[in-house]
Every structure is written in C-alpha cells, then in structure tokens.
C-alpha cells in the first residue's frame, strides 16, 4: 500500500465520521420536530373539543403544552419536575395518548423510540429498571408508567 492510499483512506474515514455525527444531529432535530408536531396535533384536537364544549378548560391545555416543552429531559431536576406534573391525571392521560402515536413494530422498538425522544442518554444512564448497580429505580416513576401504559397493546 502506498502513502497516497493511506492518506485517501484517512480522508474517507474522517468524512464518514463527520457525516455520522451530522446524521445523529439531524436525527435529534427530527425527533424534536416530531414531538412538537405531535404536541400541536394534540393541542389542536383539544381546542376543537373545548370550542365544541366537550372537554377541558384552556388552562389545562396550556399546562399540557408546558409538559411537552420539557422534553427531552436533560437533568434529574427536569425529570422530577415532570414527575410532579404527571401527578395530574389530565397531564398523565395526555402524555400516554401522545406517546401512543409514536409507535413501532414491536414493544421494544416502541419503548426505545419513546425514551430516546423523551429522556437524554445522560439522564437515562443514571437509571435502571429495578435500580441495580446503585442506579435509581426507573420502574417507580410516572414516566415509566406512561410509557408502559402506552405499550399495553404489545405486552
């Protein structure tokens, strides 16, 4: 192999690494956009229900908008704040209904897709399902209940 081939390979690898990084950035942006679109759909439906006199107050819809704006969760404090918000049954139901639209081919893919959009990896790394290896217990959170509540169809 000559020196020119080695340089060419290095350039190709460098470009591939750059493209992979850019793809991950675009995936993140796309996930954010998809969540915003879904939130807007939900809000539009709720406004239609309010206008037709069948559902919640505008104040509740406004609070539900705030919950969606908190995703993805980047800190433990953000997660605790969302946990408090999910104590409200309207917020919890809104979240479960919204998550049901994300879908997937099976429950594993669906849960992976939902969690990747909702919780940053840095926060998820602090949790395990049952709290093994000194991590926090994710299965006791309202967020877990919302994700599982959405996936009962698969289970």
N, C-alpha and C. Protein backbone atom coordinates (compact mmCIF):
# COMPACT_ATOMS: atom_id res chain seq x y z
N UNK A 1 0.85 -1.17 0.00
CA UNK A 1 0.00 0.00 0.00
C UNK A 1 0.90 1.24 0.00
N UNK A 2 0.59 2.19 -0.84
CA UNK A 2 1.42 3.38 -0.93
C UNK A 2 0.87 4.49 -0.04
N UNK A 3 1.65 5.52 0.14
CA UNK A 3 1.30 6.63 1.04
C UNK A 3 0.03 7.34 0.58
N UNK A 4 -0.19 7.42 -0.72
CA UNK A 4 -1.39 8.08 -1.24
C UNK A 4 -2.65 7.35 -0.83
N UNK A 5 -2.59 6.00 -0.82
CA UNK A 5 -3.75 5.21 -0.41
C UNK A 5 -4.07 5.44 1.07
N UNK A 6 -3.03 5.52 1.87
CA UNK A 6 -3.21 5.72 3.31
C UNK A 6 -3.87 7.07 3.59
N UNK A 7 -3.40 8.11 2.92
CA UNK A 7 -3.98 9.45 3.09
C UNK A 7 -5.44 9.47 2.63
N UNK A 8 -5.68 8.81 1.50
CA UNK A 8 -7.04 8.75 0.96
C UNK A 8 -7.98 8.05 1.95
N UNK A 9 -7.53 6.95 2.52
CA UNK A 9 -8.35 6.23 3.50
C UNK A 9 -8.63 7.09 4.72
N UNK A 10 -7.62 7.79 5.19
CA UNK A 10 -7.81 8.68 6.34
C UNK A 10 -8.84 9.76 6.04
N UNK A 11 -8.77 10.33 4.84
CA UNK A 11 -9.73 11.35 4.45
C UNK A 11 -11.14 10.77 4.39
N UNK A 12 -11.28 9.59 3.85
CA UNK A 12 -12.59 8.94 3.75
C UNK A 12 -13.14 8.66 5.14
N UNK A 13 -12.31 8.14 6.03
CA UNK A 13 -12.75 7.84 7.40
C UNK A 13 -13.17 9.12 8.11
N UNK A 14 -12.38 10.17 7.95
CA UNK A 14 -12.71 11.45 8.56
C UNK A 14 -14.06 11.96 8.06
N UNK A 15 -14.28 11.88 6.76
CA UNK A 15 -15.56 12.31 6.18
C UNK A 15 -16.70 11.46 6.70
N UNK A 16 -16.50 10.16 6.82
CA UNK A 16 -17.54 9.27 7.33
C UNK A 16 -17.90 9.60 8.78
N UNK A 17 -16.89 9.88 9.58
CA UNK A 17 -17.13 10.25 10.98
C UNK A 17 -17.92 11.56 11.04
N UNK A 18 -17.54 12.52 10.21
CA UNK A 18 -18.26 13.79 10.18
C UNK A 18 -19.71 13.59 9.75
N UNK A 19 -19.91 12.77 8.73
CA UNK A 19 -21.27 12.51 8.24
C UNK A 19 -22.11 11.79 9.30
N UNK A 20 -21.50 10.84 10.01
CA UNK A 20 -22.21 10.13 11.06
C UNK A 20 -22.64 11.08 12.16
N UNK A 21 -21.74 11.98 12.55
CA UNK A 21 -22.07 12.97 13.57
C UNK A 21 -23.21 13.86 13.11
N UNK A 22 -23.16 14.29 11.86
CA UNK A 22 -24.21 15.17 11.32
C UNK A 22 -25.55 14.43 11.26
N UNK A 23 -25.53 13.16 10.90
CA UNK A 23 -26.76 12.36 10.85
C UNK A 23 -27.38 12.27 12.24
N UNK A 24 -26.55 12.05 13.26
CA UNK A 24 -27.06 11.98 14.63
C UNK A 24 -27.68 13.31 15.05
N UNK A 25 -27.04 14.41 14.67
CA UNK A 25 -27.59 15.73 14.97
C UNK A 25 -28.94 15.92 14.27
N UNK A 26 -29.01 15.50 13.02
CA UNK A 26 -30.26 15.63 12.27
C UNK A 26 -31.36 14.73 12.85
N UNK A 27 -30.99 13.53 13.30
CA UNK A 27 -31.96 12.64 13.93
C UNK A 27 -32.54 13.30 15.18
N UNK A 28 -31.67 13.90 15.98
CA UNK A 28 -32.12 14.59 17.19
C UNK A 28 -33.08 15.72 16.83
N UNK A 29 -32.70 16.53 15.83
CA UNK A 29 -33.56 17.63 15.41
C UNK A 29 -34.90 17.10 14.89
N UNK A 30 -34.86 16.02 14.15
CA UNK A 30 -36.08 15.41 13.62
C UNK A 30 -36.97 14.90 14.75
N UNK A 31 -36.37 14.29 15.76
CA UNK A 31 -37.14 13.82 16.92
C UNK A 31 -37.81 14.99 17.62
N UNK A 32 -37.10 16.08 17.79
CA UNK A 32 -37.66 17.27 18.43
C UNK A 32 -38.83 17.80 17.61
N UNK A 33 -38.64 17.84 16.32
CA UNK A 33 -39.68 18.34 15.43
C UNK A 33 -40.91 17.43 15.47
N UNK A 34 -40.69 16.12 15.48
CA UNK A 34 -41.81 15.18 15.54
C UNK A 34 -42.59 15.34 16.83
N UNK A 35 -41.90 15.54 17.94
CA UNK A 35 -42.60 15.75 19.21
C UNK A 35 -43.38 17.06 19.19
N UNK A 36 -42.82 18.09 18.59
CA UNK A 36 -43.53 19.37 18.51
C UNK A 36 -44.77 19.25 17.63
N UNK A 37 -44.64 18.55 16.52
CA UNK A 37 -45.79 18.34 15.63
C UNK A 37 -46.88 17.56 16.37
N UNK A 38 -46.48 16.52 17.08
CA UNK A 38 -47.45 15.72 17.82
C UNK A 38 -48.14 16.56 18.89
N UNK A 39 -47.38 17.39 19.57
CA UNK A 39 -47.97 18.26 20.59
C UNK A 39 -48.97 19.21 19.96
N UNK A 40 -48.61 19.76 18.80
CA UNK A 40 -49.52 20.67 18.12
C UNK A 40 -50.80 19.97 17.68
N UNK A 41 -50.69 18.73 17.23
CA UNK A 41 -51.88 17.96 16.86
C UNK A 41 -52.79 17.78 18.07
N UNK A 42 -52.18 17.37 19.18
CA UNK A 42 -52.96 17.15 20.40
C UNK A 42 -53.64 18.44 20.85
N UNK A 43 -52.92 19.51 20.80
CA UNK A 43 -53.47 20.79 21.24
C UNK A 43 -54.60 21.22 20.32
N UNK A 44 -54.43 21.03 19.04
CA UNK A 44 -55.49 21.38 18.08
C UNK A 44 -56.75 20.57 18.36
N UNK A 45 -56.59 19.28 18.60
CA UNK A 45 -57.75 18.44 18.91
C UNK A 45 -58.43 18.90 20.19
N UNK A 46 -57.63 19.23 21.19
CA UNK A 46 -58.21 19.66 22.46
C UNK A 46 -58.91 21.01 22.32
N UNK A 47 -58.35 21.89 21.52
CA UNK A 47 -59.01 23.18 21.30
C UNK A 47 -60.34 22.97 20.60
N UNK A 48 -60.37 22.07 19.63
CA UNK A 48 -61.63 21.76 18.96
C UNK A 48 -62.66 21.21 19.95
N UNK A 49 -62.20 20.35 20.87
CA UNK A 49 -63.11 19.82 21.88
C UNK A 49 -63.61 20.92 22.81
N UNK A 50 -62.72 21.83 23.17
CA UNK A 50 -63.11 22.93 24.05
C UNK A 50 -64.13 23.82 23.35
N UNK A 51 -63.84 24.15 22.09
CA UNK A 51 -64.74 25.01 21.34
C UNK A 51 -66.12 24.36 21.21
N UNK A 52 -66.12 23.05 21.03
CA UNK A 52 -67.41 22.37 20.90
C UNK A 52 -68.03 22.07 22.27
N UNK A 53 -67.32 22.45 23.35
CA UNK A 53 -67.87 22.35 24.69
C UNK A 53 -67.83 20.96 25.30
N UNK A 54 -66.96 20.08 24.81
CA UNK A 54 -66.97 18.71 25.29
C UNK A 54 -65.85 18.38 26.25
N UNK A 55 -64.89 19.24 26.46
CA UNK A 55 -63.72 18.77 27.21
C UNK A 55 -63.21 19.79 28.21
N UNK A 56 -61.88 19.80 28.32
CA UNK A 56 -61.16 20.52 29.36
C UNK A 56 -61.21 22.03 29.20
N UNK A 57 -60.64 22.69 30.18
CA UNK A 57 -60.51 24.13 30.10
C UNK A 57 -59.24 24.49 29.36
N UNK A 58 -59.16 25.69 28.88
CA UNK A 58 -57.97 26.14 28.17
C UNK A 58 -56.75 26.14 29.07
N UNK A 59 -56.94 26.35 30.35
CA UNK A 59 -55.83 26.34 31.31
C UNK A 59 -55.15 24.97 31.32
N UNK A 60 -55.91 23.90 31.28
CA UNK A 60 -55.34 22.55 31.27
C UNK A 60 -54.54 22.32 30.00
N UNK A 61 -55.07 22.75 28.86
CA UNK A 61 -54.36 22.60 27.59
C UNK A 61 -53.03 23.34 27.66
N UNK A 62 -53.04 24.55 28.21
CA UNK A 62 -51.82 25.33 28.34
C UNK A 62 -50.78 24.60 29.17
N UNK A 63 -51.21 23.96 30.26
CA UNK A 63 -50.27 23.23 31.12
C UNK A 63 -49.71 22.01 30.38
N UNK A 64 -50.54 21.37 29.56
CA UNK A 64 -50.06 20.23 28.79
C UNK A 64 -49.01 20.65 27.77
N UNK A 65 -49.15 21.83 27.20
CA UNK A 65 -48.13 22.34 26.29
C UNK A 65 -46.80 22.45 27.02
N UNK A 66 -46.84 22.96 28.25
CA UNK A 66 -45.63 23.13 29.03
C UNK A 66 -44.93 21.79 29.26
N UNK A 67 -45.68 20.72 29.48
CA UNK A 67 -45.06 19.41 29.71
C UNK A 67 -44.27 18.99 28.48
N UNK A 68 -44.85 19.13 27.29
CA UNK A 68 -44.16 18.72 26.07
C UNK A 68 -42.90 19.53 25.83
N UNK A 69 -42.90 20.77 26.23
CA UNK A 69 -41.73 21.63 26.01
C UNK A 69 -40.55 21.21 26.89
N UNK A 70 -40.79 20.37 27.88
CA UNK A 70 -39.73 19.94 28.79
C UNK A 70 -38.95 18.75 28.26
N UNK A 71 -39.37 18.19 27.14
CA UNK A 71 -38.66 17.06 26.56
C UNK A 71 -37.65 17.53 25.54
N UNK A 72 -36.52 16.90 25.36
CA UNK A 72 -36.06 15.76 26.15
C UNK A 72 -35.55 16.20 27.52
N UNK A 73 -35.72 15.34 28.47
CA UNK A 73 -35.29 15.59 29.83
C UNK A 73 -33.77 15.51 29.88
N UNK A 74 -33.13 16.59 30.35
CA UNK A 74 -31.67 16.64 30.34
C UNK A 74 -31.04 16.57 31.73
N UNK A 75 -31.85 16.74 32.78
CA UNK A 75 -31.32 16.68 34.14
C UNK A 75 -32.28 15.93 35.05
N UNK A 76 -31.76 15.50 36.19
CA UNK A 76 -32.59 14.83 37.20
C UNK A 76 -33.68 15.80 37.68
N UNK A 77 -33.33 17.07 37.80
CA UNK A 77 -34.31 18.07 38.25
C UNK A 77 -35.47 18.18 37.26
N UNK A 78 -35.14 18.14 35.95
CA UNK A 78 -36.19 18.18 34.93
C UNK A 78 -37.10 16.96 35.06
N UNK A 79 -36.51 15.81 35.32
CA UNK A 79 -37.30 14.59 35.47
C UNK A 79 -38.21 14.69 36.69
N UNK A 80 -37.69 15.20 37.78
CA UNK A 80 -38.50 15.34 38.99
C UNK A 80 -39.65 16.33 38.76
N UNK A 81 -39.38 17.39 38.01
CA UNK A 81 -40.42 18.37 37.70
C UNK A 81 -41.53 17.73 36.85
N UNK A 82 -41.14 16.93 35.88
CA UNK A 82 -42.14 16.25 35.04
C UNK A 82 -42.90 15.22 35.86
N UNK A 83 -42.21 14.55 36.77
CA UNK A 83 -42.90 13.59 37.65
C UNK A 83 -44.01 14.30 38.42
N UNK A 84 -43.72 15.49 38.92
CA UNK A 84 -44.74 16.27 39.63
C UNK A 84 -45.89 16.66 38.71
N UNK A 85 -45.56 17.05 37.49
CA UNK A 85 -46.59 17.40 36.52
C UNK A 85 -47.48 16.20 36.18
N UNK A 86 -46.89 15.02 36.16
CA UNK A 86 -47.64 13.81 35.79
C UNK A 86 -48.53 13.31 36.92
N UNK A 87 -48.43 13.90 38.09
CA UNK A 87 -49.35 13.57 39.18
C UNK A 87 -50.77 14.01 38.80
N UNK A 88 -50.86 15.03 37.96
CA UNK A 88 -52.15 15.49 37.45
C UNK A 88 -52.62 14.47 36.41
N UNK A 89 -53.78 13.87 36.62
CA UNK A 89 -54.28 12.81 35.74
C UNK A 89 -54.51 13.31 34.31
N UNK A 90 -54.88 14.56 34.14
CA UNK A 90 -55.05 15.10 32.78
C UNK A 90 -53.72 15.10 32.04
N UNK A 91 -52.66 15.53 32.72
CA UNK A 91 -51.33 15.55 32.10
C UNK A 91 -50.87 14.14 31.79
N UNK A 92 -51.09 13.23 32.74
CA UNK A 92 -50.67 11.85 32.56
C UNK A 92 -51.41 11.24 31.35
N UNK A 93 -52.72 11.42 31.30
CA UNK A 93 -53.50 10.89 30.19
C UNK A 93 -53.10 11.49 28.85
N UNK A 94 -52.84 12.79 28.85
CA UNK A 94 -52.39 13.48 27.64
C UNK A 94 -51.08 12.87 27.15
N UNK A 95 -50.15 12.63 28.07
CA UNK A 95 -48.86 12.08 27.69
C UNK A 95 -49.01 10.66 27.14
N UNK A 96 -49.79 9.82 27.80
CA UNK A 96 -49.99 8.44 27.33
C UNK A 96 -50.61 8.46 25.94
N UNK A 97 -51.61 9.30 25.74
CA UNK A 97 -52.27 9.38 24.43
C UNK A 97 -51.29 9.86 23.36
N UNK A 98 -50.47 10.83 23.70
CA UNK A 98 -49.49 11.35 22.75
C UNK A 98 -48.44 10.30 22.39
N UNK A 99 -48.00 9.56 23.39
CA UNK A 99 -46.97 8.54 23.16
C UNK A 99 -47.49 7.42 22.28
N UNK A 100 -48.79 7.16 22.35
CA UNK A 100 -49.35 6.07 21.58
C UNK A 100 -49.21 6.30 20.08
N UNK A 101 -49.01 7.52 19.68
CA UNK A 101 -48.88 7.83 18.26
C UNK A 101 -47.46 7.64 17.74
N UNK A 102 -46.50 7.47 18.63
CA UNK A 102 -45.12 7.30 18.18
C UNK A 102 -44.90 5.90 17.61
N UNK A 103 -45.45 4.89 18.25
CA UNK A 103 -45.49 3.52 17.72
C UNK A 103 -44.14 2.90 17.40
N UNK A 104 -44.23 1.74 16.79
CA UNK A 104 -43.09 0.93 16.39
C UNK A 104 -43.58 -0.44 15.98
N UNK A 105 -42.67 -1.26 15.48
CA UNK A 105 -43.06 -2.60 15.01
C UNK A 105 -43.36 -3.55 16.16
N UNK A 106 -42.70 -3.35 17.28
CA UNK A 106 -42.95 -4.17 18.46
C UNK A 106 -42.73 -3.30 19.70
N UNK A 107 -43.00 -3.86 20.86
CA UNK A 107 -42.92 -3.04 22.07
C UNK A 107 -41.50 -2.55 22.35
N UNK A 108 -40.49 -3.36 22.01
CA UNK A 108 -39.11 -2.93 22.28
C UNK A 108 -38.77 -1.69 21.46
N UNK A 109 -39.11 -1.73 20.18
CA UNK A 109 -38.83 -0.59 19.31
C UNK A 109 -39.62 0.63 19.75
N UNK A 110 -40.87 0.40 20.12
CA UNK A 110 -41.73 1.50 20.55
C UNK A 110 -41.16 2.17 21.81
N UNK A 111 -40.77 1.38 22.79
CA UNK A 111 -40.22 1.93 24.03
C UNK A 111 -38.90 2.64 23.77
N UNK A 112 -38.05 2.04 22.94
CA UNK A 112 -36.77 2.67 22.60
C UNK A 112 -37.01 4.02 21.93
N UNK A 113 -37.94 4.07 21.00
CA UNK A 113 -38.24 5.30 20.27
C UNK A 113 -38.77 6.37 21.23
N UNK A 114 -39.68 5.97 22.08
CA UNK A 114 -40.28 6.93 23.02
C UNK A 114 -39.21 7.48 23.97
N UNK A 115 -38.44 6.58 24.58
CA UNK A 115 -37.44 7.04 25.56
C UNK A 115 -36.36 7.89 24.91
N UNK A 116 -35.98 7.56 23.68
CA UNK A 116 -34.93 8.36 23.02
C UNK A 116 -35.41 9.78 22.76
N UNK A 117 -36.72 9.96 22.58
CA UNK A 117 -37.26 11.30 22.35
C UNK A 117 -37.53 12.04 23.66
N UNK A 118 -37.76 11.30 24.72
CA UNK A 118 -38.17 11.93 25.97
C UNK A 118 -37.03 12.19 26.95
N UNK A 119 -36.05 11.31 27.00
CA UNK A 119 -35.02 11.40 28.04
C UNK A 119 -33.63 11.33 27.41
N UNK A 120 -32.81 12.29 27.75
CA UNK A 120 -31.43 12.32 27.26
C UNK A 120 -30.65 11.13 27.82
N UNK A 121 -29.71 10.61 27.05
CA UNK A 121 -28.93 9.45 27.48
C UNK A 121 -28.19 9.70 28.79
N UNK A 122 -27.76 10.94 29.01
CA UNK A 122 -27.02 11.25 30.25
C UNK A 122 -27.90 11.03 31.48
N UNK A 123 -29.20 11.27 31.36
CA UNK A 123 -30.12 11.04 32.48
C UNK A 123 -30.46 9.56 32.56
N UNK A 124 -30.73 8.93 31.42
CA UNK A 124 -31.09 7.50 31.44
C UNK A 124 -29.96 6.64 32.00
N UNK A 125 -28.73 7.08 31.83
CA UNK A 125 -27.61 6.30 32.34
C UNK A 125 -27.58 6.25 33.87
N UNK A 126 -28.33 7.14 34.51
CA UNK A 126 -28.41 7.16 35.97
C UNK A 126 -29.49 6.22 36.51
N UNK A 127 -30.27 5.62 35.60
CA UNK A 127 -31.40 4.77 35.97
C UNK A 127 -31.21 3.36 35.41
N UNK A 128 -31.80 2.41 36.13
CA UNK A 128 -32.03 1.08 35.57
C UNK A 128 -33.45 0.72 35.97
N UNK A 129 -34.01 -0.28 35.32
CA UNK A 129 -35.42 -0.59 35.54
C UNK A 129 -35.71 -0.85 37.02
N UNK A 130 -34.87 -1.66 37.66
CA UNK A 130 -35.09 -2.01 39.06
C UNK A 130 -34.10 -1.36 40.02
N UNK A 131 -33.19 -0.53 39.51
CA UNK A 131 -32.25 0.17 40.38
C UNK A 131 -31.00 -0.62 40.69
N UNK A 132 -30.63 -1.55 39.82
CA UNK A 132 -29.43 -2.34 40.04
C UNK A 132 -28.17 -1.51 39.87
N UNK A 133 -27.09 -1.99 40.43
CA UNK A 133 -25.77 -1.37 40.35
C UNK A 133 -25.77 0.06 40.90
N UNK A 134 -26.56 0.29 41.93
CA UNK A 134 -26.58 1.59 42.59
C UNK A 134 -27.28 2.69 41.82
N UNK A 135 -27.99 2.33 40.76
CA UNK A 135 -28.70 3.34 39.98
C UNK A 135 -30.08 3.59 40.56
N UNK A 136 -30.71 4.62 40.09
CA UNK A 136 -32.07 4.96 40.52
C UNK A 136 -33.06 4.00 39.86
N UNK A 137 -34.21 3.83 40.50
CA UNK A 137 -35.24 2.89 40.02
C UNK A 137 -36.17 3.61 39.05
N UNK A 138 -36.10 3.22 37.78
CA UNK A 138 -36.94 3.85 36.76
C UNK A 138 -38.38 3.32 36.80
N UNK A 139 -38.56 2.07 37.20
CA UNK A 139 -39.89 1.45 37.18
C UNK A 139 -40.87 2.08 38.17
N UNK A 140 -40.39 2.89 39.09
CA UNK A 140 -41.27 3.54 40.06
C UNK A 140 -41.66 4.96 39.65
N UNK A 141 -41.23 5.38 38.46
CA UNK A 141 -41.54 6.73 38.02
C UNK A 141 -42.86 6.77 37.26
N UNK A 142 -43.49 7.93 37.26
CA UNK A 142 -44.71 8.14 36.48
C UNK A 142 -44.40 8.07 34.99
N UNK A 143 -43.20 8.50 34.64
CA UNK A 143 -42.80 8.45 33.24
C UNK A 143 -42.79 7.00 32.74
N UNK A 144 -42.26 6.11 33.55
CA UNK A 144 -42.26 4.68 33.22
C UNK A 144 -43.70 4.19 33.05
N UNK A 145 -44.57 4.58 33.97
CA UNK A 145 -45.98 4.17 33.90
C UNK A 145 -46.63 4.67 32.62
N UNK A 146 -46.29 5.89 32.20
CA UNK A 146 -46.85 6.43 30.96
C UNK A 146 -46.36 5.64 29.75
N UNK A 147 -45.08 5.31 29.74
CA UNK A 147 -44.52 4.54 28.61
C UNK A 147 -45.13 3.15 28.58
N UNK A 148 -45.22 2.49 29.71
CA UNK A 148 -45.80 1.15 29.77
C UNK A 148 -47.29 1.20 29.49
N UNK A 149 -47.98 2.21 30.01
CA UNK A 149 -49.40 2.36 29.75
C UNK A 149 -49.68 2.47 28.27
N UNK A 150 -48.79 3.10 27.56
CA UNK A 150 -48.90 3.24 26.12
C UNK A 150 -48.64 1.91 25.41
N UNK A 151 -47.84 1.05 26.00
CA UNK A 151 -47.40 -0.18 25.32
C UNK A 151 -48.16 -1.42 25.79
N UNK A 152 -49.23 -1.27 26.50
CA UNK A 152 -50.01 -2.43 26.95
C UNK A 152 -50.52 -3.25 25.76
N UNK A 153 -50.70 -2.62 24.62
CA UNK A 153 -51.15 -3.33 23.42
C UNK A 153 -50.16 -4.43 23.05
N UNK A 154 -48.88 -4.13 23.20
CA UNK A 154 -47.84 -5.09 22.81
C UNK A 154 -47.63 -6.17 23.85
N UNK A 155 -47.86 -5.83 25.14
CA UNK A 155 -47.50 -6.73 26.23
C UNK A 155 -48.54 -7.79 26.48
